[in-house]
Protein backbone atom coordinates (compact mmCIF):
# COMPACT_ATOMS: atom_id res chain seq x y z
CA MET A 1 24.49 -15.40 -15.07
CA GLN A 2 23.43 -16.09 -18.64
CA THR A 3 23.13 -14.03 -21.79
CA THR A 4 19.66 -13.21 -23.03
CA ALA A 5 17.73 -10.39 -24.66
CA SER A 6 15.09 -8.00 -23.45
CA GLY A 7 11.55 -8.67 -24.62
CA LEU A 8 10.73 -7.95 -28.25
CA ARG A 9 8.32 -5.22 -27.15
CA ASP A 10 11.10 -3.65 -25.08
CA GLY A 11 13.62 -3.41 -27.91
CA ASP A 12 15.12 -6.93 -28.04
CA PHE A 13 18.47 -5.65 -26.70
CA SER A 14 21.31 -8.00 -25.77
CA THR A 15 21.52 -8.28 -22.00
CA ILE A 16 22.22 -10.72 -19.19
CA THR A 17 20.00 -12.45 -16.68
CA PHE A 18 20.74 -13.12 -13.05
CA ALA A 19 17.68 -15.37 -12.58
CA GLU A 20 18.31 -17.70 -9.64
CA ALA A 21 21.86 -16.29 -9.25
CA ARG A 22 23.47 -16.33 -5.82
CA PHE A 23 26.92 -15.16 -4.72
CA SER A 24 28.64 -14.94 -1.37
CA SER A 25 32.08 -13.75 -0.28
CA PRO A 26 33.62 -12.44 2.94
CA TYR A 27 32.47 -8.96 1.86
CA VAL A 28 29.13 -9.31 0.11
CA SER A 29 26.24 -11.63 -0.60
CA PHE A 30 24.04 -11.36 -3.66
CA ALA A 31 20.62 -12.80 -4.38
CA SER A 32 18.57 -11.97 -7.44
CA ILE A 33 14.88 -11.86 -8.11
CA GLU A 34 13.93 -11.81 -11.75
CA ALA A 35 10.19 -11.30 -11.69
CA CYS A 36 9.42 -11.69 -15.40
CA THR A 37 10.74 -13.43 -18.48
CA ASN A 38 11.21 -11.83 -21.88
CA VAL A 39 8.40 -13.99 -23.32
CA TRP A 40 5.34 -11.96 -24.30
CA SER A 41 2.08 -13.41 -23.08
CA PRO A 42 -0.82 -10.96 -23.22
CA GLY A 43 -3.26 -11.30 -20.38
CA VAL A 44 -0.69 -12.45 -17.81
CA ALA A 45 -1.24 -10.39 -14.68
CA GLY A 46 1.61 -8.69 -12.84
CA CYS A 47 4.31 -8.72 -15.51
CA SER A 48 3.08 -6.08 -17.94
CA GLY A 49 2.31 -8.76 -20.53
CA TYR A 50 5.39 -10.95 -19.96
CA THR A 51 5.32 -14.36 -18.28
CA HIS A 52 6.15 -14.58 -14.58
CA LEU A 53 9.49 -16.09 -13.49
CA GLN A 54 10.39 -15.70 -9.78
CA ASN A 55 8.81 -14.58 -6.52
CA PRO A 56 10.78 -12.74 -3.83
CA THR A 57 11.26 -14.38 -0.46
CA GLU A 58 9.40 -12.88 2.50
CA GLU A 59 12.55 -10.97 3.54
CA GLU A 60 13.07 -9.66 0.00
CA ARG A 61 9.38 -8.73 -0.26
CA SER A 62 9.71 -6.79 3.00
CA ALA A 63 12.71 -4.81 1.72
CA LEU A 64 10.94 -4.08 -1.56
CA ALA A 65 7.81 -2.98 0.28
CA THR A 66 9.85 -0.68 2.52
CA TYR A 67 11.54 1.13 -0.33
CA ALA A 68 8.65 1.02 -2.78
CA SER A 69 6.11 2.33 -0.26
CA GLY A 70 4.40 -1.05 -0.14
CA ARG A 71 3.58 -0.97 -3.85
CA PHE A 72 5.62 -3.96 -5.03
CA VAL A 73 3.93 -6.32 -7.40
CA PRO A 74 6.31 -8.75 -9.15
CA GLY A 75 6.99 -7.44 -12.63
CA ASN A 76 4.99 -4.26 -12.21
CA SER A 77 6.92 -1.08 -11.52
CA GLN A 78 4.25 0.60 -9.39
CA GLY A 79 6.58 2.96 -7.57
CA ILE A 80 9.84 1.26 -8.55
CA ALA A 81 11.56 0.51 -11.82
CA PHE A 82 13.57 -2.51 -12.84
CA PRO A 83 16.31 -3.34 -12.40
CA TYR A 84 15.99 -2.48 -8.73
CA VAL A 85 19.13 -2.89 -6.63
CA ASP A 86 19.35 -2.43 -2.86
CA VAL A 87 22.93 -2.22 -1.61
CA ASP A 88 23.02 -2.78 2.15
CA ASN A 89 19.96 -0.55 2.61
CA ARG A 90 22.33 2.38 1.99
CA VAL A 91 22.03 2.97 -1.74
CA LEU A 92 19.12 2.07 -3.99
CA TYR A 93 19.20 1.88 -7.75
CA SER A 94 15.90 1.81 -9.61
CA GLY A 95 15.79 1.61 -13.39
CA SER A 96 18.37 1.29 -16.12
CA SER A 97 21.70 3.02 -15.60
CA HIS A 98 21.85 4.01 -19.27
CA GLN A 99 19.55 4.41 -22.23
CA PRO A 100 18.88 0.90 -23.59
CA GLY A 101 18.99 2.26 -27.15
CA ILE A 102 22.76 2.39 -26.84
CA LEU A 103 22.62 -1.41 -27.27
CA THR A 104 20.65 -1.33 -30.53
CA GLY A 105 21.98 -3.86 -33.01
CA LEU A 106 24.81 -5.05 -30.74
CA ALA A 107 25.42 -8.72 -30.02
CA GLN A 108 26.99 -9.86 -26.74
CA ALA A 109 30.39 -10.14 -28.47
CA ASP A 110 30.10 -6.55 -29.73
CA ILE A 111 29.30 -5.28 -26.24
CA GLY A 112 32.15 -7.24 -24.62
CA GLY A 113 34.58 -6.28 -27.38
CA SER A 114 33.87 -2.58 -26.94
CA LEU A 115 34.78 -2.52 -23.24
CA SER A 116 38.48 -1.88 -23.91
CA ASP A 117 37.70 1.45 -25.63
CA ALA A 118 37.42 4.09 -22.89
CA SER A 119 36.04 6.64 -25.38
CA ASN A 120 33.08 4.43 -26.30
CA PRO A 121 29.82 5.71 -24.72
CA LEU A 122 28.72 2.13 -24.01
CA THR A 123 31.97 1.42 -22.17
CA GLN A 124 31.57 4.63 -20.18
CA ALA A 125 28.01 3.66 -19.20
CA ILE A 126 28.94 0.10 -18.18
CA VAL A 127 32.15 1.00 -16.32
CA GLY A 128 30.46 4.00 -14.69
CA THR A 129 27.66 1.79 -13.41
CA ALA A 130 30.19 -0.75 -12.14
CA ASN A 131 32.03 2.01 -10.26
CA TYR A 132 28.81 3.28 -8.64
CA LEU A 133 27.75 -0.23 -7.60
CA THR A 134 31.23 -0.98 -6.28
CA ALA A 135 31.32 2.30 -4.31
CA SER A 136 27.96 1.41 -2.79
CA ILE A 137 29.21 -2.03 -1.79
CA CYS A 138 32.42 -0.53 -0.37
CA ALA A 139 30.32 1.78 1.82
CA GLY A 140 28.76 -1.31 3.37
CA THR A 141 32.02 -3.23 3.79
CA GLY A 142 33.94 -0.44 5.48
CA GLY A 143 36.13 0.04 2.41
CA ARG A 144 37.11 -3.59 1.96
CA PRO A 145 38.76 -4.94 -0.02
CA ALA A 146 40.98 -1.87 0.04
CA ASN A 147 42.57 -2.48 -3.38
CA VAL A 148 39.11 -2.32 -5.00
CA CYS A 149 37.54 0.37 -2.83
CA SER A 150 40.50 2.73 -3.19
CA SER A 151 40.59 2.64 -7.00
CA ARG A 152 40.20 6.01 -8.73
CA GLY A 153 36.88 5.22 -10.41
CA VAL A 154 35.32 3.82 -7.24
CA GLN A 155 36.54 6.79 -5.20
CA ALA A 156 35.04 9.22 -7.75
CA ALA A 157 31.73 7.36 -7.65
CA SER A 158 31.80 7.31 -3.83
CA SER A 159 32.28 11.07 -3.81
CA ALA A 160 29.47 11.60 -6.33
CA LEU A 161 27.15 9.47 -4.17
CA HIS A 162 28.21 11.38 -1.04
CA LEU A 163 29.39 8.17 0.61
CA THR A 164 31.93 9.77 2.94
CA GLY A 165 33.32 9.43 6.44
CA ALA A 166 31.83 6.54 8.39
CA ASP A 167 30.17 5.15 5.27
CA ARG A 168 33.50 4.16 3.73
C-alpha cells in the first residue's frame, strides 16, 4: 500500500493505492486490481481518460462479470463503480464509502492525525467503513478471529448488513 492522490480531474484528494498488493492470513486473502492510474491521458480507451494500470486475472474477471452483469471494462464503471470490493461473494461494495469532498485540502498526515477524534466526520466515515468491511470478512470466516469479530463496532455493522445466524 502506498500513498497517492486521486486524479486532478477527480479532485486531487489524498488517498492510498493497493496496486499489486497481496495479503494472506489464516482467515483472509486479499488481491487488488487497480485498473487505472491517476495520470490524465485523453484518448486512452477504457479508463475514462486516465492511463491503464492493471488487468484482472481470468478468475477476477469472472467474478467481476458475474456481479457487474458482464459489463466490466477495466477502468470503466459500466454497471459498477470503483472501488469495487467483493468479500467472499457474500457482500459487495461498489463506489466510495463517503463523499470524497470530505478530504478536500487534507494531506495524508492530516487524515491520519484526525483518526483519534471520534467526533470528526472523516474519522466516522473511515472507521465506519472499516467496521462494515470487517463484519463482511467475519461473515466469511465464521466469526474468526473472535476478538475482532465480536467488537462492538463490527457487531453493529454486522447487524446493519443483516449478517446473522449462519453467516457469522
